[in-house]
Amino acid sequence: MKRMCVFVILISFIFVGFQVAFSQEQKEQKGDYQKRMEAKLKELNQKLEELNSKAQELKQDAKAEFDEQVKELQKKQEVAKTKLKELESASTKTWEKIKAEMEKVISEIDEQYEKMKSHFKKT
């Protein structure tokens, strides 16, 4: 009986040890991911600033269209910032879901930026 209790306790410690190690690894992954996304958002902001400076040369009608695209892009950036904040406070159970949502928003921002960038090639 004592052996069985010792065995159960040993198994419990091993299980808890694996959970702690896995949890720590997820925290590190989450932290690394947050840093990459923060850097990505900063990079996109810089690219947008470059486009804004080029937009000053656009004709009035093209400028109005560009400004609408900027507004749309800024809304998506705000969503990305919100997701980033959610990611910071996410539990290990929910961070994968938020990460997927973040990936989607970043992809949409990239697409919008490329669309805006190609606009300059046409004009």
PDB file of N, CA and C in Angstrom:
ATOM      1  N   MET A   1       0.819  -1.183   0.000  1.00  0.00           N
ATOM      2  CA  MET A   1       0.000   0.000   0.000  1.00  0.00           C
ATOM      3  C   MET A   1       0.871   1.258   0.000  1.00  0.00           C
ATOM      4  N   LYS A   2       1.937   1.230   0.808  1.00  0.00           N
ATOM      5  CA  LYS A   2       2.836   2.383   0.853  1.00  0.00           C
ATOM      6  C   LYS A   2       3.495   2.589  -0.502  1.00  0.00           C
ATOM      7  N   ARG A   3       3.872   1.485  -1.132  1.00  0.00           N
ATOM      8  CA  ARG A   3       4.510   1.585  -2.455  1.00  0.00           C
ATOM      9  C   ARG A   3       3.566   2.233  -3.463  1.00  0.00           C
ATOM     10  N   MET A   4       2.296   1.873  -3.379  1.00  0.00           N
ATOM     11  CA  MET A   4       1.319   2.441  -4.294  1.00  0.00           C
ATOM     12  C   MET A   4       1.166   3.937  -4.060  1.00  0.00           C
ATOM     13  N   CYS A   5       1.133   4.355  -2.813  1.00  0.00           N
ATOM     14  CA  CYS A   5       1.034   5.786  -2.491  1.00  0.00           C
ATOM     15  C   CYS A   5       2.264   6.530  -2.979  1.00  0.00           C
ATOM     16  N   VAL A   6       3.433   5.967  -2.750  1.00  0.00           N
ATOM     17  CA  VAL A   6       4.684   6.590  -3.200  1.00  0.00           C
ATOM     18  C   VAL A   6       4.684   6.677  -4.724  1.00  0.00           C
ATOM     19  N   PHE A   7       4.236   5.628  -5.383  1.00  0.00           N
ATOM     20  CA  PHE A   7       4.176   5.605  -6.840  1.00  0.00           C
ATOM     21  C   PHE A   7       3.242   6.691  -7.373  1.00  0.00           C
ATOM     22  N   VAL A   8       2.075   6.820  -6.765  1.00  0.00           N
ATOM     23  CA  VAL A   8       1.104   7.839  -7.172  1.00  0.00           C
ATOM     24  C   VAL A   8       1.681   9.234  -6.947  1.00  0.00           C
ATOM     25  N   ILE A   9       2.327   9.440  -5.835  1.00  0.00           N
ATOM     26  CA  ILE A   9       2.931  10.747  -5.546  1.00  0.00           C
ATOM     27  C   ILE A   9       4.037  11.045  -6.562  1.00  0.00           C
ATOM     28  N   LEU A  10       4.856  10.058  -6.869  1.00  0.00           N
ATOM     29  CA  LEU A  10       5.930  10.228  -7.850  1.00  0.00           C
ATOM     30  C   LEU A  10       5.372  10.588  -9.223  1.00  0.00           C
ATOM     31  N   ILE A  11       4.364   9.874  -9.643  1.00  0.00           N
ATOM     32  CA  ILE A  11       3.726  10.159 -10.928  1.00  0.00           C
ATOM     33  C   ILE A  11       3.139  11.563 -10.924  1.00  0.00           C
ATOM     34  N   SER A  12       2.541  11.964  -9.829  1.00  0.00           N
ATOM     35  CA  SER A  12       1.973  13.314  -9.720  1.00  0.00           C
ATOM     36  C   SER A  12       3.051  14.373  -9.872  1.00  0.00           C
ATOM     37  N   PHE A  13       4.194  14.184  -9.217  1.00  0.00           N
ATOM     38  CA  PHE A  13       5.296  15.140  -9.332  1.00  0.00           C
ATOM     39  C   PHE A  13       5.822  15.196 -10.763  1.00  0.00           C
ATOM     40  N   ILE A  14       5.937  14.055 -11.395  1.00  0.00           N
ATOM     41  CA  ILE A  14       6.410  14.030 -12.785  1.00  0.00           C
ATOM     42  C   ILE A  14       5.434  14.778 -13.679  1.00  0.00           C
ATOM     43  N   PHE A  15       4.141  14.520 -13.504  1.00  0.00           N
ATOM     44  CA  PHE A  15       3.119  15.188 -14.304  1.00  0.00           C
ATOM     45  C   PHE A  15       3.156  16.697 -14.100  1.00  0.00           C
ATOM     46  N   VAL A  16       3.243  17.124 -12.847  1.00  0.00           N
ATOM     47  CA  VAL A  16       3.308  18.561 -12.538  1.00  0.00           C
ATOM     48  C   VAL A  16       4.574  19.166 -13.143  1.00  0.00           C
ATOM     49  N   GLY A  17       5.671  18.433 -13.070  1.00  0.00           N
ATOM     50  CA  GLY A  17       6.923  18.913 -13.662  1.00  0.00           C
ATOM     51  C   GLY A  17       6.800  19.143 -15.155  1.00  0.00           C
ATOM     52  N   PHE A  18       6.153  18.215 -15.863  1.00  0.00           N
ATOM     53  CA  PHE A  18       5.935  18.378 -17.299  1.00  0.00           C
ATOM     54  C   PHE A  18       5.045  19.571 -17.589  1.00  0.00           C
ATOM     55  N   GLN A  19       4.011  19.756 -16.769  1.00  0.00           N
ATOM     56  CA  GLN A  19       3.116  20.890 -16.960  1.00  0.00           C
ATOM     57  C   GLN A  19       3.853  22.210 -16.772  1.00  0.00           C
ATOM     58  N   VAL A  20       4.675  22.299 -15.756  1.00  0.00           N
ATOM     59  CA  VAL A  20       5.428  23.525 -15.495  1.00  0.00           C
ATOM     60  C   VAL A  20       6.393  23.796 -16.639  1.00  0.00           C
ATOM     61  N   ALA A  21       7.094  22.757 -17.093  1.00  0.00           N
ATOM     62  CA  ALA A  21       8.043  22.925 -18.196  1.00  0.00           C
ATOM     63  C   ALA A  21       7.323  23.347 -19.470  1.00  0.00           C
ATOM     64  N   PHE A  22       6.190  22.724 -19.756  1.00  0.00           N
ATOM     65  CA  PHE A  22       5.426  23.063 -20.943  1.00  0.00           C
ATOM     66  C   PHE A  22       4.884  24.483 -20.845  1.00  0.00           C
ATOM     67  N   SER A  23       4.398  24.847 -19.672  1.00  0.00           N
ATOM     68  CA  SER A  23       3.873  26.182 -19.449  1.00  0.00           C
ATOM     69  C   SER A  23       4.963  27.240 -19.643  1.00  0.00           C
ATOM     70  N   GLN A  24       6.155  26.958 -19.125  1.00  0.00           N
ATOM     71  CA  GLN A  24       7.272  27.897 -19.283  1.00  0.00           C
ATOM     72  C   GLN A  24       7.653  28.052 -20.751  1.00  0.00           C
ATOM     73  N   GLU A  25       7.659  26.946 -21.483  1.00  0.00           N
ATOM     74  CA  GLU A  25       7.981  27.000 -22.905  1.00  0.00           C
ATOM     75  C   GLU A  25       6.950  27.820 -23.657  1.00  0.00           C
ATOM     76  N   GLN A  26       5.678  27.653 -23.319  1.00  0.00           N
ATOM     77  CA  GLN A  26       4.627  28.438 -23.962  1.00  0.00           C
ATOM     78  C   GLN A  26       4.778  29.923 -23.636  1.00  0.00           C
ATOM     79  N   LYS A  27       5.139  30.237 -22.405  1.00  0.00           N
ATOM     80  CA  LYS A  27       5.339  31.640 -22.022  1.00  0.00           C
ATOM     81  C   LYS A  27       6.469  32.260 -22.835  1.00  0.00           C
ATOM     82  N   GLU A  28       7.541  31.495 -23.036  1.00  0.00           N
ATOM     83  CA  GLU A  28       8.663  31.993 -23.830  1.00  0.00           C
ATOM     84  C   GLU A  28       8.244  32.197 -25.279  1.00  0.00           C
ATOM     85  N   GLN A  29       7.495  31.235 -25.826  1.00  0.00           N
ATOM     86  CA  GLN A  29       7.004  31.365 -27.196  1.00  0.00           C
ATOM     87  C   GLN A  29       6.104  32.582 -27.330  1.00  0.00           C
ATOM     88  N   LYS A  30       5.238  32.761 -26.366  1.00  0.00           N
ATOM     89  CA  LYS A  30       4.317  33.893 -26.371  1.00  0.00           C
ATOM     90  C   LYS A  30       5.093  35.207 -26.330  1.00  0.00           C
ATOM     91  N   GLY A  31       6.099  35.276 -25.462  1.00  0.00           N
ATOM     92  CA  GLY A  31       6.915  36.486 -25.367  1.00  0.00           C
ATOM     93  C   GLY A  31       7.664  36.774 -26.651  1.00  0.00           C
ATOM     94  N   ASP A  32       8.245  35.745 -27.246  1.00  0.00           N
ATOM     95  CA  ASP A  32       8.951  35.911 -28.520  1.00  0.00           C
ATOM     96  C   ASP A  32       7.992  36.375 -29.609  1.00  0.00           C
ATOM     97  N   TYR A  33       6.825  35.783 -29.639  1.00  0.00           N
ATOM     98  CA  TYR A  33       5.822  36.148 -30.643  1.00  0.00           C
ATOM     99  C   TYR A  33       5.383  37.599 -30.473  1.00  0.00           C
ATOM    100  N   GLN A  34       5.146  38.006 -29.236  1.00  0.00           N
ATOM    101  CA  GLN A  34       4.753  39.395 -28.972  1.00  0.00           C
ATOM    102  C   GLN A  34       5.808  40.360 -29.492  1.00  0.00           C
ATOM    103  N   LYS A  35       7.067  40.064 -29.237  1.00  0.00           N
ATOM    104  CA  LYS A  35       8.145  40.937 -29.701  1.00  0.00           C
ATOM    105  C   LYS A  35       8.169  41.019 -31.223  1.00  0.00           C
ATOM    106  N   ARG A  36       7.975  39.877 -31.881  1.00  0.00           N
ATOM    107  CA  ARG A  36       7.962  39.873 -33.353  1.00  0.00           C
ATOM    108  C   ARG A  36       6.800  40.699 -33.893  1.00  0.00           C
ATOM    109  N   MET A  37       5.633  40.580 -33.264  1.00  0.00           N
ATOM    110  CA  MET A  37       4.469  41.321 -33.733  1.00  0.00           C
ATOM    111  C   MET A  37       4.611  42.817 -33.462  1.00  0.00           C
ATOM    112  N   GLU A  38       5.190  43.181 -32.335  1.00  0.00           N
ATOM    113  CA  GLU A  38       5.446  44.599 -32.056  1.00  0.00           C
ATOM    114  C   GLU A  38       6.396  45.168 -33.107  1.00  0.00           C
ATOM    115  N   ALA A  39       7.436  44.420 -33.438  1.00  0.00           N
ATOM    116  CA  ALA A  39       8.393  44.862 -34.464  1.00  0.00           C
ATOM    117  C   ALA A  39       7.707  44.966 -35.822  1.00  0.00           C
ATOM    118  N   LYS A  40       6.842  44.012 -36.127  1.00  0.00           N
ATOM    119  CA  LYS A  40       6.113  44.022 -37.398  1.00  0.00           C
ATOM    120  C   LYS A  40       5.215  45.246 -37.491  1.00  0.00           C
ATOM    121  N   LEU A  41       4.513  45.568 -36.413  1.00  0.00           N
ATOM    122  CA  LEU A  41       3.643  46.744 -36.421  1.00  0.00           C
ATOM    123  C   LEU A  41       4.446  48.031 -36.572  1.00  0.00           C
ATOM    124  N   LYS A  42       5.603  48.108 -35.924  1.00  0.00           N
ATOM    125  CA  LYS A  42       6.461  49.289 -36.082  1.00  0.00           C
ATOM    126  C   LYS A  42       6.935  49.418 -37.523  1.00  0.00           C
ATOM    127  N   GLU A  43       7.321  48.292 -38.102  1.00  0.00           N
ATOM    128  CA  GLU A  43       7.777  48.287 -39.497  1.00  0.00           C
ATOM    129  C   GLU A  43       6.662  48.754 -40.430  1.00  0.00           C
ATOM    130  N   LEU A  44       5.457  48.260 -40.198  1.00  0.00           N
ATOM    131  CA  LEU A  44       4.323  48.673 -41.027  1.00  0.00           C
ATOM    132  C   LEU A  44       4.021  50.156 -40.859  1.00  0.00           C
ATOM    133  N   ASN A  45       4.161  50.681 -39.649  1.00  0.00           N
ATOM    134  CA  ASN A  45       3.963  52.111 -39.429  1.00  0.00           C
ATOM    135  C   ASN A  45       4.971  52.932 -40.224  1.00  0.00           C
ATOM    136  N   GLN A  46       6.219  52.490 -40.229  1.00  0.00           N
ATOM    137  CA  GLN A  46       7.250  53.197 -40.991  1.00  0.00           C
ATOM    138  C   GLN A  46       6.941  53.171 -42.485  1.00  0.00           C
ATOM    139  N   LYS A  47       6.518  52.017 -42.967  1.00  0.00           N
ATOM    140  CA  LYS A  47       6.176  51.908 -44.386  1.00  0.00           C
ATOM    141  C   LYS A  47       4.998  52.815 -44.725  1.00  0.00           C
ATOM    142  N   LEU A  48       4.026  52.874 -43.829  1.00  0.00           N
ATOM    143  CA  LEU A  48       2.871  53.735 -44.058  1.00  0.00           C
ATOM    144  C   LEU A  48       3.284  55.204 -44.080  1.00  0.00           C
ATOM    145  N   GLU A  49       4.187  55.581 -43.215  1.00  0.00           N
ATOM    146  CA  GLU A  49       4.681  56.961 -43.213  1.00  0.00           C
ATOM    147  C   GLU A  49       5.364  57.293 -44.539  1.00  0.00           C
ATOM    148  N   GLU A  50       6.117  56.335 -45.075  1.00  0.00           N
ATOM    149  CA  GLU A  50       6.762  56.539 -46.377  1.00  0.00           C
ATOM    150  C   GLU A  50       5.714  56.739 -47.465  1.00  0.00           C
ATOM    151  N   LEU A  51       4.673  55.899 -47.440  1.00  0.00           N
ATOM    152  CA  LEU A  51       3.603  56.057 -48.429  1.00  0.00           C
ATOM    153  C   LEU A  51       2.900  57.394 -48.268  1.00  0.00           C
ATOM    154  N   ASN A  52       2.679  57.822 -47.032  1.00  0.00           N
ATOM    155  CA  ASN A  52       2.026  59.108 -46.794  1.00  0.00           C
ATOM    156  C   ASN A  52       2.842  60.257 -47.375  1.00  0.00           C
ATOM    157  N   SER A  53       4.157  60.178 -47.249  1.00  0.00           N
ATOM    158  CA  SER A  53       4.975  61.249 -47.810  1.00  0.00           C
ATOM    159  C   SER A  53       4.914  61.238 -49.336  1.00  0.00           C
ATOM    160  N   LYS A  54       4.836  60.059 -49.932  1.00  0.00           N
ATOM    161  CA  LYS A  54       4.702  59.962 -51.390  1.00  0.00           C
ATOM    162  C   LYS A  54       3.315  60.418 -51.836  1.00  0.00           C
ATOM    163  N   ALA A  55       2.336  60.243 -50.978  1.00  0.00           N
ATOM    164  CA  ALA A  55       0.956  60.583 -51.328  1.00  0.00           C
ATOM    165  C   ALA A  55       0.762  62.074 -51.521  1.00  0.00           C
ATOM    166  N   GLN A  56       1.644  62.867 -50.964  1.00  0.00           N
ATOM    167  CA  GLN A  56       1.531  64.320 -51.129  1.00  0.00           C
ATOM    168  C   GLN A  56       1.616  64.722 -52.594  1.00  0.00           C
ATOM    169  N   GLU A  57       2.220  63.863 -53.410  1.00  0.00           N
ATOM    170  CA  GLU A  57       2.399  64.154 -54.833  1.00  0.00           C
ATOM    171  C   GLU A  57       1.200  63.722 -55.675  1.00  0.00           C
ATOM    172  N   LEU A  58       0.243  63.030 -55.072  1.00  0.00           N
ATOM    173  CA  LEU A  58      -0.903  62.519 -55.823  1.00  0.00           C
ATOM    174  C   LEU A  58      -1.865  63.646 -56.198  1.00  0.00           C
ATOM    175  N   LYS A  59      -2.583  63.410 -57.279  1.00  0.00           N
ATOM    176  CA  LYS A  59      -3.640  64.338 -57.680  1.00  0.00           C
ATOM    177  C   LYS A  59      -4.782  64.228 -56.682  1.00  0.00           C
ATOM    178  N   GLN A  60      -5.658  65.213 -56.677  1.00  0.00           N
ATOM    179  CA  GLN A  60      -6.713  65.308 -55.663  1.00  0.00           C
ATOM    180  C   GLN A  60      -7.576  64.054 -55.584  1.00  0.00           C
ATOM    181  N   ASP A  61      -8.061  63.550 -56.725  1.00  0.00           N
ATOM    182  CA  ASP A  61      -8.942  62.379 -56.683  1.00  0.00           C
ATOM    183  C   ASP A  61      -8.192  61.135 -56.213  1.00  0.00           C
ATOM    184  N   ALA A  62      -6.958  60.969 -56.645  1.00  0.00           N
ATOM    185  CA  ALA A  62      -6.150  59.832 -56.206  1.00  0.00           C
ATOM    186  C   ALA A  62      -5.808  59.968 -54.728  1.00  0.00           C
ATOM    187  N   LYS A  63      -5.589  61.194 -54.285  1.00  0.00           N
ATOM    188  CA  LYS A  63      -5.269  61.451 -52.879  1.00  0.00           C
ATOM    189  C   LYS A  63      -6.457  61.087 -51.989  1.00  0.00           C
ATOM    190  N   ALA A  64      -7.649  61.400 -52.430  1.00  0.00           N
ATOM    191  CA  ALA A  64      -8.851  61.082 -51.654  1.00  0.00           C
ATOM    192  C   ALA A  64      -9.000  59.559 -51.518  1.00  0.00           C
ATOM    193  N   GLU A  65      -8.768  58.845 -52.597  1.00  0.00           N
ATOM    194  CA  GLU A  65      -8.835  57.379 -52.555  1.00  0.00           C
ATOM    195  C   GLU A  65      -7.758  56.826 -51.624  1.00  0.00           C
ATOM    196  N   PHE A  66      -6.571  57.388 -51.730  1.00  0.00           N
ATOM    197  CA  PHE A  66      -5.467  56.956 -50.880  1.00  0.00           C
ATOM    198  C   PHE A  66      -5.801  57.191 -49.403  1.00  0.00           C
ATOM    199  N   ASP A  67      -6.361  58.358 -49.106  1.00  0.00           N
ATOM    200  CA  ASP A  67      -6.724  58.675 -47.717  1.00  0.00           C
ATOM    201  C   ASP A  67      -7.741  57.679 -47.158  1.00  0.00           C
ATOM    202  N   GLU A  68      -8.685  57.245 -47.991  1.00  0.00           N
ATOM    203  CA  GLU A  68      -9.659  56.234 -47.550  1.00  0.00           C
ATOM    204  C   GLU A  68      -8.954  54.919 -47.233  1.00  0.00           C
ATOM    205  N   GLN A  69      -7.988  54.555 -48.063  1.00  0.00           N
ATOM    206  CA  GLN A  69      -7.241  53.325 -47.827  1.00  0.00           C
ATOM    207  C   GLN A  69      -6.410  53.431 -46.550  1.00  0.00           C
ATOM    208  N   VAL A  70      -5.881  54.613 -46.286  1.00  0.00           N
ATOM    209  CA  VAL A  70      -5.110  54.832 -45.061  1.00  0.00           C
ATOM    210  C   VAL A  70      -6.012  54.645 -43.843  1.00  0.00           C
ATOM    211  N   LYS A  71      -7.214  55.192 -43.912  1.00  0.00           N
ATOM    212  CA  LYS A  71      -8.152  55.051 -42.799  1.00  0.00           C
ATOM    213  C   LYS A  71      -8.464  53.577 -42.544  1.00  0.00           C
ATOM    214  N   GLU A  72      -8.674  52.835 -43.615  1.00  0.00           N
ATOM    215  CA  GLU A  72      -8.959  51.404 -43.492  1.00  0.00           C
ATOM    216  C   GLU A  72      -7.762  50.669 -42.868  1.00  0.00           C
ATOM    217  N   LEU A  73      -6.591  51.031 -43.317  1.00  0.00           N
ATOM    218  CA  LEU A  73      -5.381  50.413 -42.786  1.00  0.00           C
ATOM    219  C   LEU A  73      -5.190  50.755 -41.307  1.00  0.00           C
ATOM    220  N   GLN A  74      -5.470  51.982 -40.949  1.00  0.00           N
ATOM    221  CA  GLN A  74      -5.336  52.396 -39.550  1.00  0.00           C
ATOM    222  C   GLN A  74      -6.319  51.655 -38.651  1.00  0.00           C
ATOM    223  N   LYS A  75      -7.518  51.393 -39.154  1.00  0.00           N
ATOM    224  CA  LYS A  75      -8.480  50.611 -38.374  1.00  0.00           C
ATOM    225  C   LYS A  75      -7.927  49.213 -38.117  1.00  0.00           C
ATOM    226  N   LYS A  76      -7.338  48.620 -39.143  1.00  0.00           N
ATOM    227  CA  LYS A  76      -6.763  47.280 -38.997  1.00  0.00           C
ATOM    228  C   LYS A  76      -5.569  47.302 -38.045  1.00  0.00           C
ATOM    229  N   GLN A  77      -4.815  48.386 -38.076  1.00  0.00           N
ATOM    230  CA  GLN A  77      -3.691  48.505 -37.151  1.00  0.00           C
ATOM    231  C   GLN A  77      -4.188  48.589 -35.712  1.00  0.00           C
ATOM    232  N   GLU A  78      -5.282  49.300 -35.500  1.00  0.00           N
ATOM    233  CA  GLU A  78      -5.859  49.392 -34.152  1.00  0.00           C
ATOM    234  C   GLU A  78      -6.330  48.018 -33.675  1.00  0.00           C
ATOM    235  N   VAL A  79      -6.923  47.247 -34.590  1.00  0.00           N
ATOM    236  CA  VAL A  79      -7.339  45.891 -34.238  1.00  0.00           C
ATOM    237  C   VAL A  79      -6.113  45.070 -33.846  1.00  0.00           C
ATOM    238  N   ALA A  80      -5.031  45.218 -34.609  1.00  0.00           N
ATOM    239  CA  ALA A  80      -3.800  44.480 -34.319  1.00  0.00           C
ATOM    240  C   ALA A  80      -3.234  44.884 -32.954  1.00  0.00           C
ATOM    241  N   LYS A  81      -3.277  46.174 -32.644  1.00  0.00           N
ATOM    242  CA  LYS A  81      -2.793  46.630 -31.338  1.00  0.00           C
ATOM    243  C   LYS A  81      -3.646  46.058 -30.208  1.00  0.00           C
ATOM    244  N   THR A  82      -4.948  46.010 -30.432  1.00  0.00           N
ATOM    245  CA  THR A  82      -5.851  45.434 -29.434  1.00  0.00           C
ATOM    246  C   THR A  82      -5.541  43.956 -29.238  1.00  0.00           C
ATOM    247  N   LYS A  83      -5.330  43.237 -30.342  1.00  0.00           N
ATOM    248  CA  LYS A  83      -4.997  41.813 -30.249  1.00  0.00           C
ATOM    249  C   LYS A  83      -3.676  41.620 -29.529  1.00  0.00           C
ATOM    250  N   LEU A  84      -2.743  42.521 -29.757  1.00  0.00           N
ATOM    251  CA  LEU A  84      -1.450  42.435 -29.082  1.00  0.00           C
ATOM    252  C   LEU A  84      -1.622  42.608 -27.580  1.00  0.00           C
ATOM    253  N   LYS A  85      -2.484  43.543 -27.178  1.00  0.00           N
ATOM    254  CA  LYS A  85      -2.765  43.725 -25.747  1.00  0.00           C
ATOM    255  C   LYS A  85      -3.460  42.495 -25.168  1.00  0.00           C
ATOM    256  N   GLU A  86      -4.382  41.930 -25.937  1.00  0.00           N
ATOM    257  CA  GLU A  86      -5.052  40.711 -25.489  1.00  0.00           C
ATOM    258  C   GLU A  86      -4.040  39.574 -25.337  1.00  0.00           C
ATOM    259  N   LEU A  87      -3.103  39.538 -26.237  1.00  0.00           N
ATOM    260  CA  LEU A  87      -2.076  38.499 -26.207  1.00  0.00           C
ATOM    261  C   LEU A  87      -1.230  38.604 -24.946  1.00  0.00           C
ATOM    262  N   GLU A  88      -0.941  39.825 -24.536  1.00  0.00           N
ATOM    263  CA  GLU A  88      -0.132  40.035 -23.335  1.00  0.00           C
ATOM    264  C   GLU A  88      -0.786  39.430 -22.103  1.00  0.00           C
ATOM    265  N   SER A  89      -2.095  39.526 -22.022  1.00  0.00           N
ATOM    266  CA  SER A  89      -2.784  39.027 -20.833  1.00  0.00           C
ATOM    267  C   SER A  89      -3.430  37.656 -21.047  1.00  0.00           C
ATOM    268  N   ALA A  90      -3.202  37.058 -22.201  1.00  0.00           N
ATOM    269  CA  ALA A  90      -3.833  35.772 -22.509  1.00  0.00           C
ATOM    270  C   ALA A  90      -3.232  34.645 -21.686  1.00  0.00           C
ATOM    271  N   SER A  91      -4.074  33.728 -21.336  1.00  0.00           N
ATOM    272  CA  SER A  91      -3.597  32.532 -20.635  1.00  0.00           C
ATOM    273  C   SER A  91      -2.967  31.594 -21.663  1.00  0.00           C
ATOM    274  N   THR A  92      -2.285  30.603 -21.168  1.00  0.00           N
ATOM    275  CA  THR A  92      -1.660  29.648 -22.081  1.00  0.00           C
ATOM    276  C   THR A  92      -2.711  28.897 -22.886  1.00  0.00           C
ATOM    277  N   LYS A  93      -3.927  28.836 -22.377  1.00  0.00           N
ATOM    278  CA  LYS A  93      -5.001  28.144 -23.091  1.00  0.00           C
ATOM    279  C   LYS A  93      -5.557  28.980 -24.239  1.00  0.00           C
ATOM    280  N   THR A  94      -5.596  30.290 -24.075  1.00  0.00           N
ATOM    281  CA  THR A  94      -6.242  31.134 -25.080  1.00  0.00           C
ATOM    282  C   THR A  94      -5.268  31.829 -26.030  1.00  0.00           C
ATOM    283  N   TRP A  95      -3.974  31.764 -25.756  1.00  0.00           N
ATOM    284  CA  TRP A  95      -3.056  32.549 -26.571  1.00  0.00           C
ATOM    285  C   TRP A  95      -2.954  32.028 -27.992  1.00  0.00           C
ATOM    286  N   GLU A  96      -3.144  30.738 -28.217  1.00  0.00           N
ATOM    287  CA  GLU A  96      -3.095  30.196 -29.581  1.00  0.00           C
ATOM    288  C   GLU A  96      -4.226  30.776 -30.433  1.00  0.00           C
ATOM    289  N   LYS A  97      -5.401  30.924 -29.834  1.00  0.00           N
ATOM    290  CA  LYS A  97      -6.542  31.498 -30.558  1.00  0.00           C
ATOM    291  C   LYS A  97      -6.260  32.958 -30.904  1.00  0.00           C
ATOM    292  N   ILE A  98      -5.773  33.696 -29.942  1.00  0.00           N
ATOM    293  CA  ILE A  98      -5.481  35.113 -30.178  1.00  0.00           C
ATOM    294  C   ILE A  98      -4.337  35.253 -31.182  1.00  0.00           C
ATOM    295  N   LYS A  99      -3.381  34.364 -31.112  1.00  0.00           N
ATOM    296  CA  LYS A  99      -2.268  34.369 -32.062  1.00  0.00           C
ATOM    297  C   LYS A  99      -2.803  34.195 -33.489  1.00  0.00           C
ATOM    298  N   ALA A 100      -3.731  33.272 -33.681  1.00  0.00           N
ATOM    299  CA  ALA A 100      -4.319  33.050 -35.004  1.00  0.00           C
ATOM    300  C   ALA A 100      -5.057  34.296 -35.490  1.00  0.00           C
ATOM    301  N   GLU A 101      -5.786  34.939 -34.590  1.00  0.00           N
ATOM    302  CA  GLU A 101      -6.490  36.174 -34.942  1.00  0.00           C
ATOM    303  C   GLU A 101      -5.492  37.268 -35.304  1.00  0.00           C
ATOM    304  N   MET A 102      -4.400  37.331 -34.556  1.00  0.00           N
ATOM    305  CA  MET A 102      -3.354  38.328 -34.814  1.00  0.00           C
ATOM    306  C   MET A 102      -2.735  38.094 -36.189  1.00  0.00           C
ATOM    307  N   GLU A 103      -2.462  36.841 -36.508  1.00  0.00           N
ATOM    308  CA  GLU A 103      -1.893  36.499 -37.817  1.00  0.00           C
ATOM    309  C   GLU A 103      -2.810  36.958 -38.948  1.00  0.00           C
ATOM    310  N   LYS A 104      -4.103  36.764 -38.752  1.00  0.00           N
ATOM    311  CA  LYS A 104      -5.076  37.159 -39.775  1.00  0.00           C
ATOM    312  C   LYS A 104      -5.052  38.674 -39.977  1.00  0.00           C
ATOM    313  N   VAL A 105      -5.057  39.416 -38.887  1.00  0.00           N
ATOM    314  CA  VAL A 105      -5.055  40.878 -38.977  1.00  0.00           C
ATOM    315  C   VAL A 105      -3.764  41.378 -39.630  1.00  0.00           C
ATOM    316  N   ILE A 106      -2.633  40.801 -39.231  1.00  0.00           N
ATOM    317  CA  ILE A 106      -1.354  41.217 -39.816  1.00  0.00           C
ATOM    318  C   ILE A 106      -1.342  40.918 -41.317  1.00  0.00           C
ATOM    319  N   SER A 107      -1.888  39.798 -41.697  1.00  0.00           N
ATOM    320  CA  SER A 107      -1.969  39.438 -43.111  1.00  0.00           C
ATOM    321  C   SER A 107      -2.828  40.454 -43.873  1.00  0.00           C
ATOM    322  N   GLU A 108      -3.946  40.846 -43.289  1.00  0.00           N
ATOM    323  CA  GLU A 108      -4.815  41.847 -43.914  1.00  0.00           C
ATOM    324  C   GLU A 108      -4.101  43.190 -44.041  1.00  0.00           C
ATOM    325  N   ILE A 109      -3.339  43.553 -43.029  1.00  0.00           N
ATOM    326  CA  ILE A 109      -2.586  44.809 -43.073  1.00  0.00           C
ATOM    327  C   ILE A 109      -1.540  44.745 -44.186  1.00  0.00           C
ATOM    328  N   ASP A 110      -0.830  43.631 -44.275  1.00  0.00           N
ATOM    329  CA  ASP A 110       0.166  43.462 -45.335  1.00  0.00           C
ATOM    330  C   ASP A 110      -0.476  43.583 -46.711  1.00  0.00           C
ATOM    331  N   GLU A 111      -1.629  42.932 -46.883  1.00  0.00           N
ATOM    332  CA  GLU A 111      -2.341  42.997 -48.164  1.00  0.00           C
ATOM    333  C   GLU A 111      -2.741  44.431 -48.494  1.00  0.00           C
ATOM    334  N   GLN A 112      -3.289  45.122 -47.505  1.00  0.00           N
ATOM    335  CA  GLN A 112      -3.721  46.507 -47.713  1.00  0.00           C
ATOM    336  C   GLN A 112      -2.524  47.386 -48.065  1.00  0.00           C
ATOM    337  N   TYR A 113      -1.416  47.184 -47.376  1.00  0.00           N
ATOM    338  CA  TYR A 113      -0.217  47.972 -47.669  1.00  0.00           C
ATOM    339  C   TYR A 113       0.249  47.722 -49.105  1.00  0.00           C
ATOM    340  N   GLU A 114       0.308  46.460 -49.497  1.00  0.00           N
ATOM    341  CA  GLU A 114       0.752  46.128 -50.859  1.00  0.00           C
ATOM    342  C   GLU A 114      -0.183  46.731 -51.903  1.00  0.00           C
ATOM    343  N   LYS A 115      -1.468  46.731 -51.604  1.00  0.00           N
ATOM    344  CA  LYS A 115      -2.453  47.340 -52.507  1.00  0.00           C
ATOM    345  C   LYS A 115      -2.180  48.837 -52.639  1.00  0.00           C
ATOM    346  N   MET A 116      -1.919  49.470 -51.522  1.00  0.00           N
ATOM    347  CA  MET A 116      -1.641  50.905 -51.538  1.00  0.00           C
ATOM    348  C   MET A 116      -0.331  51.194 -52.258  1.00  0.00           C
ATOM    349  N   LYS A 117       0.647  50.385 -52.014  1.00  0.00           N
ATOM    350  CA  LYS A 117       1.965  50.551 -52.646  1.00  0.00           C
ATOM    351  C   LYS A 117       1.847  50.393 -54.164  1.00  0.00           C
ATOM    352  N   SER A 118       1.072  49.410 -54.609  1.00  0.00           N
ATOM    353  CA  SER A 118       0.913  49.196 -56.049  1.00  0.00           C
ATOM    354  C   SER A 118       0.168  50.360 -56.688  1.00  0.00           C
ATOM    355  N   HIS A 119      -0.636  51.045 -55.911  1.00  0.00           N
ATOM    356  CA  HIS A 119      -1.370  52.208 -56.417  1.00  0.00           C
ATOM    357  C   HIS A 119      -0.392  53.267 -56.952  1.00  0.00           C
ATOM    358  N   PHE A 120       0.740  53.402 -56.286  1.00  0.00           N
ATOM    359  CA  PHE A 120       1.722  54.396 -56.715  1.00  0.00           C
ATOM    360  C   PHE A 120       2.374  53.997 -58.026  1.00  0.00           C
ATOM    361  N   LYS A 121       2.472  52.720 -58.266  1.00  0.00           N
ATOM    362  CA  LYS A 121       3.051  52.264 -59.526  1.00  0.00           C
ATOM    363  C   LYS A 121       2.131  52.564 -60.698  1.00  0.00           C
ATOM    364  N   LYS A 122       0.814  52.598 -60.415  1.00  0.00           N
ATOM    365  CA  LYS A 122      -0.170  52.868 -61.463  1.00  0.00           C
ATOM    366  C   LYS A 122      -0.274  54.348 -61.778  1.00  0.00           C
ATOM    367  N   THR A 123       0.010  55.177 -60.768  1.00  0.00           N
ATOM    368  CA  THR A 123      -0.177  56.627 -60.977  1.00  0.00           C
ATOM    369  C   THR A 123       1.112  57.284 -61.383  1.00  0.00           C
TER     370      THR A 123
END
